Amino acid sequence: MQIEIKIDEKCKEPKIIVITDKMTDEVNAIIKRLSDEQPQVIAGFREDVVEVLEASEIYRVFAESGKVFAETNHGEYALRLRLYEAEQRLDSKTFVRISNSDIINLRKVKSFDLSFVGTICITLSNGTVTYVSRRSVAKIKQLLGM
């Protein structure tokens, strides 16, 4: 496969042209990957400043009063995403939805308290306490190998 890049200062938007003698699985895979690819960046807004948030620094993403927020090492940021959109952008191996309004970073969990009947109390390493919804308890227990 040949790859050619042409720099044109007049170009306003990148354009990709695929030239091939026939459609192959490799060409289809490249086209699918290019067309499906969406930025996996999460932008946080705080005091008229926009910051790109590192997923490793996010403790949790939660919805409150109709807005979505990300809690990080540096405080809370408002997100201009719906909770399910943030969930799609975050790594499913690290982030897990524990309720309709909360997604947590498993790497930031300090402890799981199973003493509550019908739910699980989660304490994050920054001291934040949140609860698993009854619907998600089985999924979290499975995740913990219980």
Protein backbone atom coordinates (compact mmCIF):
# COMPACT_ATOMS: atom_id res chain seq x y z
CA MET A 1 0.00 0.00 0.00
CA GLN A 2 1.25 3.45 -0.87
CA ILE A 3 0.49 6.50 1.23
CA GLU A 4 0.83 9.98 -0.20
CA ILE A 5 0.35 13.26 1.65
CA LYS A 6 0.06 16.57 -0.15
CA ILE A 7 0.31 19.84 1.80
CA ASP A 8 -1.86 22.60 0.33
CA GLU A 9 -2.13 25.86 2.29
CA LYS A 10 -5.39 26.70 0.49
CA CYS A 11 -7.05 23.54 1.79
CA LYS A 12 -9.68 24.30 4.45
CA GLU A 13 -10.54 20.71 5.44
CA PRO A 14 -8.51 17.49 5.11
CA LYS A 15 -9.60 15.28 2.20
CA ILE A 16 -8.79 11.62 1.79
CA ILE A 17 -8.91 9.92 -1.63
CA VAL A 18 -8.54 6.16 -1.95
CA ILE A 19 -7.42 4.93 -5.38
CA THR A 20 -7.63 1.18 -5.88
CA ASP A 21 -8.20 -1.36 -8.65
CA LYS A 22 -10.82 -3.25 -6.59
CA MET A 23 -12.53 -3.17 -3.21
CA THR A 24 -10.77 -5.42 -0.73
CA ASP A 25 -11.25 -6.17 2.95
CA GLU A 26 -8.25 -3.97 3.70
CA VAL A 27 -9.74 -0.99 1.81
CA ASN A 28 -13.12 -1.51 3.47
CA ALA A 29 -11.47 -1.63 6.90
CA ILE A 30 -9.59 1.62 6.23
CA ILE A 31 -12.73 3.38 5.01
CA LYS A 32 -14.74 2.16 7.98
CA ARG A 33 -12.05 3.22 10.42
CA LEU A 34 -11.73 6.69 8.89
CA SER A 35 -15.47 7.31 8.75
CA ASP A 36 -16.26 5.92 12.23
CA GLU A 37 -13.43 7.64 13.99
CA GLN A 38 -14.61 10.38 16.31
CA PRO A 39 -12.45 12.42 18.63
CA GLN A 40 -12.11 10.73 22.00
CA VAL A 41 -11.45 14.06 23.68
CA ILE A 42 -13.49 15.35 26.58
CA ALA A 43 -13.57 19.11 26.90
CA GLY A 44 -14.35 20.54 30.33
CA PHE A 45 -15.70 24.06 30.85
CA ARG A 46 -15.02 26.11 33.96
CA GLU A 47 -15.22 29.90 34.32
CA ASP A 48 -15.21 30.61 30.55
CA VAL A 49 -12.12 28.45 30.09
CA VAL A 50 -12.12 25.21 28.12
CA GLU A 51 -9.67 22.48 29.07
CA VAL A 52 -9.07 19.09 27.49
CA LEU A 53 -9.54 16.59 30.30
CA GLU A 54 -7.24 13.60 30.61
CA ALA A 55 -9.30 10.46 31.19
CA SER A 56 -6.75 9.25 33.76
CA GLU A 57 -7.47 12.32 35.90
CA ILE A 58 -11.27 11.90 35.89
CA TYR A 59 -12.73 10.39 39.06
CA ARG A 60 -16.29 10.32 37.83
CA VAL A 61 -18.71 11.82 35.32
CA PHE A 62 -22.15 12.58 36.67
CA ALA A 63 -25.40 14.31 35.84
CA GLU A 64 -26.92 16.79 38.24
CA SER A 65 -29.69 19.36 37.74
CA GLY A 66 -29.89 18.57 34.03
CA LYS A 67 -26.17 19.17 33.42
CA VAL A 68 -23.22 16.80 33.11
CA PHE A 69 -20.03 17.30 35.10
CA ALA A 70 -16.62 15.65 35.32
CA GLU A 71 -14.90 15.48 38.68
CA THR A 72 -11.11 15.58 38.31
CA ASN A 73 -7.94 16.16 40.29
CA HIS A 74 -8.38 19.87 39.55
CA GLY A 75 -12.06 20.22 40.49
CA GLU A 76 -15.35 19.94 38.64
CA TYR A 77 -15.85 20.80 34.99
CA ALA A 78 -19.10 21.17 33.09
CA LEU A 79 -19.32 19.03 29.96
CA ARG A 80 -21.29 19.84 26.85
CA LEU A 81 -22.09 16.18 26.35
CA ARG A 82 -24.89 13.93 27.45
CA LEU A 83 -23.89 11.26 29.92
CA TYR A 84 -24.16 8.47 27.33
CA GLU A 85 -21.92 10.47 24.94
CA ALA A 86 -19.26 10.83 27.65
CA GLU A 87 -19.59 7.10 28.36
CA GLN A 88 -18.94 6.31 24.68
CA ARG A 89 -15.78 8.43 24.69
CA LEU A 90 -14.35 6.90 27.85
CA ASP A 91 -12.57 3.54 27.94
CA SER A 92 -15.08 0.85 28.96
CA LYS A 93 -12.31 -1.14 30.68
CA THR A 94 -11.65 1.72 33.08
CA PHE A 95 -14.97 3.56 33.35
CA VAL A 96 -18.22 1.90 34.37
CA ARG A 97 -21.74 3.26 34.70
CA ILE A 98 -23.07 2.63 38.19
CA SER A 99 -26.41 4.43 37.86
CA ASN A 100 -28.48 6.54 35.47
CA SER A 101 -26.53 9.59 36.59
CA ASP A 102 -23.04 8.35 37.45
CA ILE A 103 -19.99 6.86 35.69
CA ILE A 104 -16.91 6.10 37.79
CA ASN A 105 -13.25 5.52 37.03
CA LEU A 106 -12.42 2.09 38.49
CA ARG A 107 -8.78 3.12 38.91
CA LYS A 108 -9.86 5.89 41.29
CA VAL A 109 -11.95 3.66 43.60
CA LYS A 110 -10.69 3.49 47.18
CA SER A 111 -13.30 1.04 48.50
CA PHE A 112 -16.59 -0.74 47.88
CA ASP A 113 -18.89 -0.99 50.93
CA LEU A 114 -21.24 -3.96 50.52
CA SER A 115 -22.91 -3.58 53.94
CA PHE A 116 -25.84 -1.65 52.48
CA VAL A 117 -28.86 -3.77 51.55
CA GLY A 118 -29.64 -3.59 47.83
CA THR A 119 -26.85 -1.20 46.89
CA ILE A 120 -23.09 -0.68 47.09
CA CYS A 121 -21.43 2.41 48.53
CA ILE A 122 -18.33 3.46 46.59
CA THR A 123 -15.66 5.73 48.03
CA LEU A 124 -13.31 7.28 45.51
CA SER A 125 -9.68 8.10 46.31
CA ASN A 126 -10.51 11.82 46.52
CA GLY A 127 -13.11 11.16 49.25
CA THR A 128 -16.23 11.38 47.08
CA VAL A 129 -18.92 8.90 48.08
CA THR A 130 -21.45 7.62 45.54
CA TYR A 131 -23.86 4.71 45.33
CA VAL A 132 -24.53 1.97 42.81
CA SER A 133 -28.15 1.81 41.67
CA ARG A 134 -30.08 -1.39 42.38
CA ARG A 135 -30.10 -2.17 38.65
CA SER A 136 -26.30 -2.02 38.45
CA VAL A 137 -25.45 -3.98 41.63
CA ALA A 138 -25.25 -7.33 39.81
CA LYS A 139 -22.96 -5.85 37.14
CA ILE A 140 -20.62 -4.37 39.77
CA LYS A 141 -20.56 -7.61 41.78
CA GLN A 142 -19.69 -9.51 38.61
CA LEU A 143 -16.95 -6.98 37.90
CA LEU A 144 -15.57 -7.61 41.40
CA GLY A 145 -15.75 -11.38 40.87
CA MET A 146 -18.48 -11.97 43.43
